[in-house]
């Protein structure tokens, strides 16, 4: 079900996240496939994490030319499915959260409309932010909240200075 949701989300959200070079990176929701084990998962993390994993997978340099090729490669994926055969690249795209954390966040945000989710992200005092701020494993919970938000096509990024989620431009 999650892979279907990722495909339905507007492509512009993904493309903007990939093209952004902001110090406050936007999140992406993609499907990753481990070529060795054929394990598939729909996961969420900041766009630069995906780009670095692709660069590792393709063996490209971290320079303007290599980074341009990586961004082009990412934009060319029709269904936002990325295959990784190199262990280093796969480790990068393994999310901080596990299935249990994601299910907890899904339960806590269940029933909220897309508009209410958007409003909640915009309000730093909203209960949505307490889900990750009050957790001992706040980066994992923050990324899981971003996952659920992207399933609802709410584009988010994390603020460079605070680490909090905010609406992506």
Foldseek 3Di string as FASTA:
>chain_A
DLLVLLQPFDPVLVLVQLPDPDLFGWKHWAWEAAPVVRDIDTFMDGNVLLLVLQCVQVVHDPDPVSSVVSSVVQSPDNSRYYYHHDPVSVVSRPAPADPVLLVVLCVVCPPDALVRLQVQQADCPHVLQCQQVVDPSNVRNQRSSSSVNVSNNQIWTADNPPRGIHGDD
